[in-house]
Protein backbone atom coordinates (compact mmCIF):
# COMPACT_ATOMS: atom_id res chain seq x y z
CA UNK A 1 72.42 83.07 2.30
CA UNK A 2 69.39 84.56 0.71
CA UNK A 3 67.38 86.98 2.83
CA UNK A 4 63.61 86.46 3.18
CA UNK A 5 61.07 89.23 3.46
CA UNK A 6 58.88 89.23 6.58
CA UNK A 7 55.91 87.43 4.96
CA UNK A 8 58.20 84.55 3.70
CA UNK A 9 59.91 84.33 7.16
CA UNK A 10 56.58 84.10 8.80
CA UNK A 11 55.34 81.27 6.55
CA UNK A 12 58.58 79.25 7.12
CA UNK A 13 57.95 79.04 10.92
CA UNK A 14 54.17 78.92 10.87
CA UNK A 15 52.82 76.05 12.99
CA UNK A 16 56.35 74.73 13.81
CA UNK A 17 58.31 74.48 17.01
CA UNK A 18 61.24 76.95 16.95
CA UNK A 19 64.37 77.51 18.95
CA UNK A 20 65.13 80.86 20.58
CA UNK A 21 67.86 82.37 22.79
CA UNK A 22 66.55 83.49 26.18
CA UNK A 23 67.96 84.79 29.49
CA UNK A 24 66.56 82.31 32.00
CA UNK A 25 66.44 82.90 35.77
CA UNK A 26 66.61 79.70 37.79
CA UNK A 27 65.81 81.24 41.22
CA UNK A 28 65.44 84.62 43.06
CA UNK A 29 68.50 86.78 42.64
CA UNK A 30 70.31 84.10 40.61
CA UNK A 31 72.34 85.18 37.65
CA UNK A 32 70.55 84.89 34.27
CA UNK A 33 71.61 81.96 32.10
CA UNK A 34 71.71 82.55 28.37
CA UNK A 35 70.47 79.40 26.73
CA UNK A 36 68.52 77.98 23.84
CA UNK A 37 64.81 77.22 24.45
CA UNK A 38 62.21 75.51 22.39
CA UNK A 39 59.02 77.33 21.72
CA UNK A 40 55.93 75.42 20.69
CA UNK A 41 53.64 76.75 17.90
CA UNK A 42 50.98 79.23 18.85
CA UNK A 43 47.53 77.96 19.81
CA UNK A 44 44.28 79.23 18.33
CA UNK A 45 43.90 83.07 18.79
CA UNK A 46 47.67 83.37 19.67
CA UNK A 47 50.31 84.87 17.47
CA UNK A 48 54.09 84.50 17.36
CA UNK A 49 56.17 87.69 16.99
CA UNK A 50 59.94 88.08 16.52
CA UNK A 51 61.49 89.93 19.46
CA UNK A 52 64.61 91.94 18.74
CA UNK A 53 64.96 93.77 22.06
CA UNK A 54 63.32 93.56 25.41
CA UNK A 55 63.77 95.26 28.83
CA UNK A 56 63.30 94.36 32.44
CA UNK A 57 60.54 96.41 34.01
CA UNK A 58 59.97 97.08 37.72
CA UNK A 59 57.55 94.11 37.92
CA UNK A 60 60.20 91.77 36.51
CA UNK A 61 62.80 93.18 38.81
CA UNK A 62 60.71 92.64 41.91
CA UNK A 63 59.87 89.08 40.72
CA UNK A 64 63.60 88.33 40.12
CA UNK A 65 64.30 89.59 43.64
CA UNK A 66 61.71 87.31 45.04
CA UNK A 67 59.66 90.01 46.70
CA UNK A 68 56.29 88.57 45.95
CA UNK A 69 55.62 84.94 46.82
CA UNK A 70 53.12 84.55 44.02
CA UNK A 71 55.82 85.49 41.47
CA UNK A 72 58.39 82.92 42.68
CA UNK A 73 58.00 80.55 39.80
CA UNK A 74 61.32 79.28 38.31
CA UNK A 75 62.78 78.71 35.86
CA UNK A 76 61.49 81.96 34.47
CA UNK A 77 62.04 84.09 31.37
CA UNK A 78 61.65 87.84 31.96
CA UNK A 79 61.06 90.65 29.55
CA UNK A 80 57.48 91.14 28.49
CA UNK A 81 58.19 94.77 27.34
CA UNK A 82 59.39 94.07 23.87
CA UNK A 83 60.14 95.98 20.74
CA UNK A 84 61.07 94.78 17.31
């Protein structure tokens, strides 16, 4: 398989729906389910970035524990502190 540089890889997926692997929480304190999800193309003024690693911060942890009623929205994908 030929490896693409970053610019070529970006152009291949530009404006298209993609499939990603995500750890999905289906309810408070429920185990995460690793599954494939579909991600729609970005809207105007949005960008798509490739996430290699992410962590669960304290806000995510309290949401997963169901501590704040306003954060009890499921299914949910945590991990907004990304690097990559």
